[in-house]
């Protein structure tokens, strides 16, 4: 496992909470007290609530680069959470969002998938942030 700093830890929790919600849709998501509770809660609930919009955004902007129907579940969760941040958390710089989700992805997926995620996020981020400004 790669070295993770404290700032990437909330994103690991975001991915874990979204994954848990997908595996157990009837379970209530619990957000324990902590330094990043608001960020984690916003990112998890925002990603889940805007899943369709995020998917449309990905398909519209990079239709030839990814087939979401064939994409690994964890890779898709990480991608959707990162795209949520790019779309709705404008206070987070693009490079920080990408860097933190790449570090987070190293905890969950293979290195080749991490490189692919990096390329996809780089391409998407330019289109998303230009579109929203």
N, C-alpha and C. Protein backbone atom coordinates (compact mmCIF):
# COMPACT_ATOMS: atom_id res chain seq x y z
N UNK A 1 0.83 -1.18 0.00
CA UNK A 1 0.00 0.00 0.00
C UNK A 1 0.88 1.25 0.00
N UNK A 2 0.44 2.24 -0.72
CA UNK A 2 1.21 3.48 -0.80
C UNK A 2 1.03 4.28 0.49
N UNK A 3 1.88 5.27 0.64
CA UNK A 3 1.77 6.13 1.81
C UNK A 3 0.61 7.08 1.62
N UNK A 4 -0.22 7.16 2.61
CA UNK A 4 -1.38 8.05 2.55
C UNK A 4 -1.21 9.14 3.58
N UNK A 5 -1.54 10.36 3.16
CA UNK A 5 -1.49 11.43 4.14
C UNK A 5 -2.87 11.61 4.75
N UNK A 6 -2.97 12.42 5.77
CA UNK A 6 -4.24 12.59 6.48
C UNK A 6 -5.31 13.19 5.59
N UNK A 7 -4.93 14.01 4.61
CA UNK A 7 -5.94 14.63 3.76
C UNK A 7 -6.57 13.64 2.79
N UNK A 8 -5.89 12.56 2.43
CA UNK A 8 -6.51 11.60 1.52
C UNK A 8 -7.39 10.61 2.27
N UNK A 9 -7.22 10.51 3.58
CA UNK A 9 -8.01 9.59 4.38
C UNK A 9 -9.51 9.84 4.25
N UNK A 10 -9.99 11.10 4.23
CA UNK A 10 -11.43 11.29 4.08
C UNK A 10 -11.95 10.69 2.76
N UNK A 11 -11.16 10.75 1.73
CA UNK A 11 -11.60 10.21 0.44
C UNK A 11 -11.66 8.68 0.46
N UNK A 12 -10.80 8.07 1.25
CA UNK A 12 -10.89 6.62 1.43
C UNK A 12 -12.23 6.30 2.10
N UNK A 13 -12.58 7.07 3.10
CA UNK A 13 -13.86 6.86 3.80
C UNK A 13 -15.04 7.12 2.86
N UNK A 14 -14.91 8.11 1.98
CA UNK A 14 -15.96 8.40 0.99
C UNK A 14 -16.19 7.16 0.13
N UNK A 15 -15.12 6.60 -0.41
CA UNK A 15 -15.21 5.41 -1.26
C UNK A 15 -15.81 4.24 -0.48
N UNK A 16 -15.36 4.04 0.74
CA UNK A 16 -15.88 2.94 1.56
C UNK A 16 -17.38 3.10 1.83
N UNK A 17 -17.80 4.31 2.16
CA UNK A 17 -19.22 4.57 2.47
C UNK A 17 -20.09 4.37 1.23
N UNK A 18 -19.63 4.84 0.07
CA UNK A 18 -20.42 4.66 -1.16
C UNK A 18 -20.50 3.18 -1.51
N UNK A 19 -19.39 2.48 -1.39
CA UNK A 19 -19.38 1.04 -1.67
C UNK A 19 -20.35 0.32 -0.72
N UNK A 20 -20.28 0.64 0.55
CA UNK A 20 -21.17 0.03 1.53
C UNK A 20 -22.64 0.30 1.22
N UNK A 21 -22.92 1.51 0.77
CA UNK A 21 -24.28 1.88 0.41
C UNK A 21 -24.78 1.10 -0.81
N UNK A 22 -23.90 0.87 -1.77
CA UNK A 22 -24.28 0.10 -2.96
C UNK A 22 -24.51 -1.37 -2.61
N UNK A 23 -23.70 -1.89 -1.71
CA UNK A 23 -23.82 -3.30 -1.32
C UNK A 23 -25.01 -3.54 -0.39
N UNK A 24 -25.33 -2.53 0.42
CA UNK A 24 -26.44 -2.63 1.39
C UNK A 24 -27.33 -1.39 1.27
N UNK A 25 -28.10 -1.30 0.18
CA UNK A 25 -28.88 -0.08 -0.07
C UNK A 25 -29.91 0.26 1.01
N UNK A 26 -30.34 -0.72 1.80
CA UNK A 26 -31.35 -0.45 2.82
C UNK A 26 -30.74 0.03 4.14
N UNK A 27 -29.43 -0.07 4.26
CA UNK A 27 -28.75 0.35 5.49
C UNK A 27 -28.63 1.88 5.52
N UNK A 28 -28.78 2.44 6.70
CA UNK A 28 -28.58 3.88 6.90
C UNK A 28 -27.07 4.12 6.96
N UNK A 29 -26.61 5.13 6.24
CA UNK A 29 -25.18 5.45 6.26
C UNK A 29 -24.90 6.24 7.53
N UNK A 30 -23.95 5.76 8.31
CA UNK A 30 -23.59 6.42 9.57
C UNK A 30 -22.28 7.19 9.36
N UNK A 31 -22.29 8.44 9.80
CA UNK A 31 -21.11 9.29 9.68
C UNK A 31 -20.61 9.63 11.08
N UNK A 32 -19.61 8.89 11.57
CA UNK A 32 -19.11 9.16 12.92
C UNK A 32 -18.48 10.55 13.03
N UNK A 33 -18.49 11.07 14.24
CA UNK A 33 -17.86 12.37 14.47
C UNK A 33 -16.39 12.30 14.09
N UNK A 34 -15.90 13.40 13.57
CA UNK A 34 -14.50 13.47 13.20
C UNK A 34 -14.22 14.77 12.47
N UNK A 35 -12.96 15.01 12.26
CA UNK A 35 -12.51 16.26 11.64
C UNK A 35 -13.11 16.46 10.25
N UNK A 36 -13.30 15.39 9.50
CA UNK A 36 -13.76 15.51 8.12
C UNK A 36 -15.19 15.04 7.92
N UNK A 37 -15.98 14.98 8.99
CA UNK A 37 -17.34 14.44 8.90
C UNK A 37 -18.18 15.17 7.85
N UNK A 38 -18.18 16.49 7.86
CA UNK A 38 -19.00 17.25 6.91
C UNK A 38 -18.57 16.98 5.47
N UNK A 39 -17.26 16.99 5.23
CA UNK A 39 -16.75 16.73 3.88
C UNK A 39 -17.17 15.33 3.42
N UNK A 40 -16.97 14.33 4.28
CA UNK A 40 -17.28 12.94 3.93
C UNK A 40 -18.78 12.80 3.66
N UNK A 41 -19.59 13.36 4.53
CA UNK A 41 -21.05 13.27 4.37
C UNK A 41 -21.49 13.96 3.08
N UNK A 42 -20.98 15.16 2.82
CA UNK A 42 -21.34 15.88 1.59
C UNK A 42 -20.93 15.10 0.35
N UNK A 43 -19.72 14.56 0.36
CA UNK A 43 -19.22 13.84 -0.82
C UNK A 43 -19.98 12.53 -1.04
N UNK A 44 -20.25 11.80 0.03
CA UNK A 44 -20.96 10.52 -0.10
C UNK A 44 -22.39 10.75 -0.56
N UNK A 45 -23.13 11.57 0.17
CA UNK A 45 -24.54 11.80 -0.17
C UNK A 45 -24.68 12.52 -1.51
N UNK A 46 -23.78 13.46 -1.77
CA UNK A 46 -23.81 14.18 -3.05
C UNK A 46 -23.55 13.26 -4.23
N UNK A 47 -22.60 12.36 -4.09
CA UNK A 47 -22.28 11.41 -5.16
C UNK A 47 -23.45 10.47 -5.40
N UNK A 48 -24.03 9.96 -4.32
CA UNK A 48 -25.15 9.03 -4.44
C UNK A 48 -26.37 9.73 -5.04
N UNK A 49 -26.69 10.93 -4.53
CA UNK A 49 -27.87 11.66 -5.00
C UNK A 49 -27.75 12.12 -6.45
N UNK A 50 -26.53 12.40 -6.88
CA UNK A 50 -26.33 12.93 -8.24
C UNK A 50 -25.73 11.90 -9.20
N UNK A 51 -25.89 10.63 -8.86
CA UNK A 51 -25.30 9.54 -9.64
C UNK A 51 -25.64 9.65 -11.13
N UNK A 52 -26.91 9.87 -11.45
CA UNK A 52 -27.34 9.94 -12.85
C UNK A 52 -26.70 11.14 -13.56
N UNK A 53 -26.67 12.28 -12.89
CA UNK A 53 -26.07 13.48 -13.48
C UNK A 53 -24.57 13.27 -13.72
N UNK A 54 -23.90 12.65 -12.77
CA UNK A 54 -22.47 12.38 -12.89
C UNK A 54 -22.24 11.43 -14.07
N UNK A 55 -23.05 10.40 -14.16
CA UNK A 55 -22.93 9.44 -15.27
C UNK A 55 -23.14 10.13 -16.61
N UNK A 56 -24.17 10.97 -16.71
CA UNK A 56 -24.43 11.72 -17.95
C UNK A 56 -23.24 12.60 -18.31
N UNK A 57 -22.66 13.25 -17.32
CA UNK A 57 -21.51 14.14 -17.53
C UNK A 57 -20.33 13.35 -18.08
N UNK A 58 -20.07 12.19 -17.51
CA UNK A 58 -18.96 11.35 -17.97
C UNK A 58 -19.20 10.91 -19.41
N UNK A 59 -20.39 10.38 -19.68
CA UNK A 59 -20.71 9.88 -21.02
C UNK A 59 -20.66 11.01 -22.05
N UNK A 60 -21.18 12.17 -21.69
CA UNK A 60 -21.20 13.31 -22.62
C UNK A 60 -19.79 13.80 -22.96
N UNK A 61 -18.92 13.83 -21.95
CA UNK A 61 -17.60 14.43 -22.15
C UNK A 61 -16.53 13.48 -22.67
N UNK A 62 -16.64 12.20 -22.35
CA UNK A 62 -15.62 11.25 -22.82
C UNK A 62 -16.26 9.93 -23.27
N UNK A 63 -17.15 9.97 -24.24
CA UNK A 63 -17.89 8.77 -24.62
C UNK A 63 -17.01 7.63 -25.16
N UNK A 64 -15.89 7.96 -25.76
CA UNK A 64 -15.04 6.92 -26.36
C UNK A 64 -13.98 6.40 -25.40
N UNK A 65 -13.83 7.05 -24.25
CA UNK A 65 -12.76 6.69 -23.33
C UNK A 65 -13.15 5.69 -22.25
N UNK A 66 -14.46 5.53 -22.02
CA UNK A 66 -14.88 4.64 -20.94
C UNK A 66 -16.26 4.06 -21.24
N UNK A 67 -16.43 2.80 -20.90
CA UNK A 67 -17.73 2.14 -20.98
C UNK A 67 -18.15 1.82 -19.55
N UNK A 68 -19.03 2.64 -19.01
CA UNK A 68 -19.39 2.52 -17.60
C UNK A 68 -20.08 1.18 -17.28
N UNK A 69 -20.69 0.56 -18.27
CA UNK A 69 -21.34 -0.74 -18.04
C UNK A 69 -20.30 -1.84 -17.78
N UNK A 70 -19.09 -1.65 -18.32
CA UNK A 70 -18.05 -2.67 -18.18
C UNK A 70 -16.97 -2.29 -17.16
N UNK A 71 -17.13 -1.14 -16.55
CA UNK A 71 -16.11 -0.62 -15.63
C UNK A 71 -16.24 -1.29 -14.26
N UNK A 72 -15.10 -1.65 -13.69
CA UNK A 72 -15.01 -2.23 -12.34
C UNK A 72 -15.75 -1.34 -11.34
N UNK A 73 -16.49 -1.98 -10.44
CA UNK A 73 -17.32 -1.26 -9.48
C UNK A 73 -16.54 -0.26 -8.62
N UNK A 74 -15.39 -0.68 -8.09
CA UNK A 74 -14.60 0.24 -7.26
C UNK A 74 -14.03 1.40 -8.08
N UNK A 75 -13.57 1.11 -9.28
CA UNK A 75 -13.06 2.17 -10.15
C UNK A 75 -14.17 3.18 -10.44
N UNK A 76 -15.35 2.67 -10.69
CA UNK A 76 -16.51 3.53 -10.98
C UNK A 76 -16.86 4.40 -9.77
N UNK A 77 -16.84 3.82 -8.58
CA UNK A 77 -17.14 4.59 -7.35
C UNK A 77 -16.12 5.72 -7.18
N UNK A 78 -14.85 5.41 -7.35
CA UNK A 78 -13.80 6.42 -7.20
C UNK A 78 -13.98 7.51 -8.26
N UNK A 79 -14.24 7.10 -9.49
CA UNK A 79 -14.46 8.05 -10.58
C UNK A 79 -15.65 8.96 -10.29
N UNK A 80 -16.77 8.38 -9.86
CA UNK A 80 -17.96 9.17 -9.60
C UNK A 80 -17.74 10.15 -8.44
N UNK A 81 -17.06 9.71 -7.38
CA UNK A 81 -16.79 10.60 -6.24
C UNK A 81 -15.89 11.76 -6.67
N UNK A 82 -14.87 11.46 -7.48
CA UNK A 82 -13.97 12.51 -7.97
C UNK A 82 -14.72 13.48 -8.88
N UNK A 83 -15.56 12.95 -9.75
CA UNK A 83 -16.33 13.82 -10.66
C UNK A 83 -17.31 14.68 -9.85
N UNK A 84 -17.91 14.12 -8.82
CA UNK A 84 -18.78 14.91 -7.94
C UNK A 84 -18.00 16.12 -7.41
N UNK A 85 -16.80 15.86 -6.90
CA UNK A 85 -15.99 16.96 -6.36
C UNK A 85 -15.63 17.98 -7.43
N UNK A 86 -15.29 17.50 -8.61
CA UNK A 86 -14.94 18.42 -9.70
C UNK A 86 -16.14 19.28 -10.10
N UNK A 87 -17.32 18.69 -10.07
CA UNK A 87 -18.53 19.41 -10.48
C UNK A 87 -19.07 20.36 -9.41
N UNK A 88 -19.00 19.95 -8.15
CA UNK A 88 -19.73 20.68 -7.11
C UNK A 88 -18.88 21.26 -5.99
N UNK A 89 -17.61 20.92 -5.91
CA UNK A 89 -16.73 21.44 -4.85
C UNK A 89 -15.65 22.32 -5.49
N UNK A 90 -16.07 23.49 -5.94
CA UNK A 90 -15.15 24.35 -6.69
C UNK A 90 -14.03 24.94 -5.85
N UNK A 91 -14.15 24.84 -4.54
CA UNK A 91 -13.06 25.35 -3.68
C UNK A 91 -11.86 24.40 -3.70
N UNK A 92 -12.08 23.16 -4.15
CA UNK A 92 -10.97 22.20 -4.25
C UNK A 92 -10.32 22.33 -5.63
N UNK A 93 -9.04 22.66 -5.67
CA UNK A 93 -8.36 22.79 -6.97
C UNK A 93 -8.35 21.44 -7.72
N UNK A 94 -8.44 21.51 -9.04
CA UNK A 94 -8.46 20.31 -9.89
C UNK A 94 -7.31 19.38 -9.55
N UNK A 95 -6.09 19.91 -9.47
CA UNK A 95 -4.91 19.06 -9.22
C UNK A 95 -5.01 18.34 -7.88
N UNK A 96 -5.58 19.00 -6.89
CA UNK A 96 -5.72 18.39 -5.56
C UNK A 96 -6.74 17.25 -5.63
N UNK A 97 -7.87 17.50 -6.28
CA UNK A 97 -8.92 16.46 -6.39
C UNK A 97 -8.34 15.23 -7.09
N UNK A 98 -7.70 15.45 -8.23
CA UNK A 98 -7.13 14.31 -8.98
C UNK A 98 -6.07 13.60 -8.15
N UNK A 99 -5.16 14.34 -7.58
CA UNK A 99 -4.07 13.75 -6.80
C UNK A 99 -4.61 12.93 -5.63
N UNK A 100 -5.57 13.47 -4.90
CA UNK A 100 -6.10 12.77 -3.73
C UNK A 100 -6.87 11.51 -4.13
N UNK A 101 -7.62 11.56 -5.22
CA UNK A 101 -8.34 10.36 -5.64
C UNK A 101 -7.41 9.32 -6.24
N UNK A 102 -6.31 9.75 -6.84
CA UNK A 102 -5.31 8.78 -7.34
C UNK A 102 -4.67 8.08 -6.14
N UNK A 103 -4.30 8.86 -5.12
CA UNK A 103 -3.73 8.25 -3.90
C UNK A 103 -4.74 7.30 -3.26
N UNK A 104 -5.98 7.71 -3.21
CA UNK A 104 -7.04 6.87 -2.65
C UNK A 104 -7.21 5.60 -3.47
N UNK A 105 -7.17 5.73 -4.78
CA UNK A 105 -7.38 4.57 -5.66
C UNK A 105 -6.31 3.50 -5.44
N UNK A 106 -5.11 3.91 -5.09
CA UNK A 106 -4.02 2.96 -4.86
C UNK A 106 -4.34 2.02 -3.70
N UNK A 107 -5.22 2.45 -2.84
CA UNK A 107 -5.66 1.65 -1.69
C UNK A 107 -6.65 0.55 -2.12
N UNK A 108 -7.35 0.77 -3.26
CA UNK A 108 -8.45 -0.11 -3.67
C UNK A 108 -8.24 -0.88 -4.98
N UNK A 109 -7.50 -0.31 -5.92
CA UNK A 109 -7.44 -0.92 -7.25
C UNK A 109 -6.01 -1.11 -7.74
N UNK A 110 -5.86 -1.87 -8.82
CA UNK A 110 -4.55 -2.16 -9.40
C UNK A 110 -3.90 -0.90 -9.97
N UNK A 111 -2.58 -0.93 -10.06
CA UNK A 111 -1.82 0.22 -10.55
C UNK A 111 -2.24 0.63 -11.97
N UNK A 112 -2.49 -0.36 -12.83
CA UNK A 112 -2.88 -0.05 -14.21
C UNK A 112 -4.22 0.68 -14.24
N UNK A 113 -5.13 0.31 -13.33
CA UNK A 113 -6.42 1.00 -13.24
C UNK A 113 -6.23 2.42 -12.70
N UNK A 114 -5.27 2.59 -11.80
CA UNK A 114 -4.97 3.92 -11.26
C UNK A 114 -4.46 4.84 -12.36
N UNK A 115 -3.59 4.32 -13.22
CA UNK A 115 -3.09 5.13 -14.34
C UNK A 115 -4.24 5.52 -15.28
N UNK A 116 -5.12 4.56 -15.55
CA UNK A 116 -6.28 4.80 -16.40
C UNK A 116 -7.18 5.87 -15.76
N UNK A 117 -7.44 5.74 -14.46
CA UNK A 117 -8.24 6.71 -13.72
C UNK A 117 -7.62 8.10 -13.82
N UNK A 118 -6.31 8.18 -13.68
CA UNK A 118 -5.60 9.46 -13.77
C UNK A 118 -5.85 10.11 -15.13
N UNK A 119 -5.72 9.33 -16.19
CA UNK A 119 -5.93 9.86 -17.55
C UNK A 119 -7.37 10.33 -17.74
N UNK A 120 -8.32 9.52 -17.27
CA UNK A 120 -9.74 9.85 -17.40
C UNK A 120 -10.07 11.12 -16.62
N UNK A 121 -9.60 11.20 -15.37
CA UNK A 121 -9.88 12.39 -14.54
C UNK A 121 -9.23 13.64 -15.12
N UNK A 122 -8.03 13.50 -15.65
CA UNK A 122 -7.35 14.64 -16.26
C UNK A 122 -8.18 15.18 -17.43
N UNK A 123 -8.62 14.29 -18.29
CA UNK A 123 -9.41 14.68 -19.45
C UNK A 123 -10.76 15.28 -19.03
N UNK A 124 -11.43 14.61 -18.11
CA UNK A 124 -12.74 15.06 -17.64
C UNK A 124 -12.66 16.40 -16.92
N UNK A 125 -11.65 16.56 -16.08
CA UNK A 125 -11.55 17.77 -15.25
C UNK A 125 -11.50 19.03 -16.09
N UNK A 126 -10.77 18.97 -17.20
CA UNK A 126 -10.66 20.14 -18.08
C UNK A 126 -12.01 20.49 -18.67
N UNK A 127 -12.78 19.49 -19.04
CA UNK A 127 -14.08 19.74 -19.64
C UNK A 127 -15.11 20.17 -18.60
N UNK A 128 -15.10 19.52 -17.45
CA UNK A 128 -16.09 19.83 -16.40
C UNK A 128 -15.89 21.24 -15.85
N UNK A 129 -14.68 21.57 -15.47
CA UNK A 129 -14.46 22.88 -14.84
C UNK A 129 -14.63 24.01 -15.86
N UNK A 130 -14.32 23.79 -17.13
CA UNK A 130 -14.55 24.82 -18.14
C UNK A 130 -16.03 25.03 -18.36
N UNK A 131 -16.78 23.92 -18.32
CA UNK A 131 -18.22 23.95 -18.53
C UNK A 131 -18.93 24.67 -17.40
N UNK A 132 -18.46 24.49 -16.19
CA UNK A 132 -19.13 25.05 -15.01
C UNK A 132 -18.68 26.48 -14.67
N UNK A 133 -17.73 27.01 -15.40
CA UNK A 133 -17.26 28.38 -15.09
C UNK A 133 -17.77 29.35 -16.10
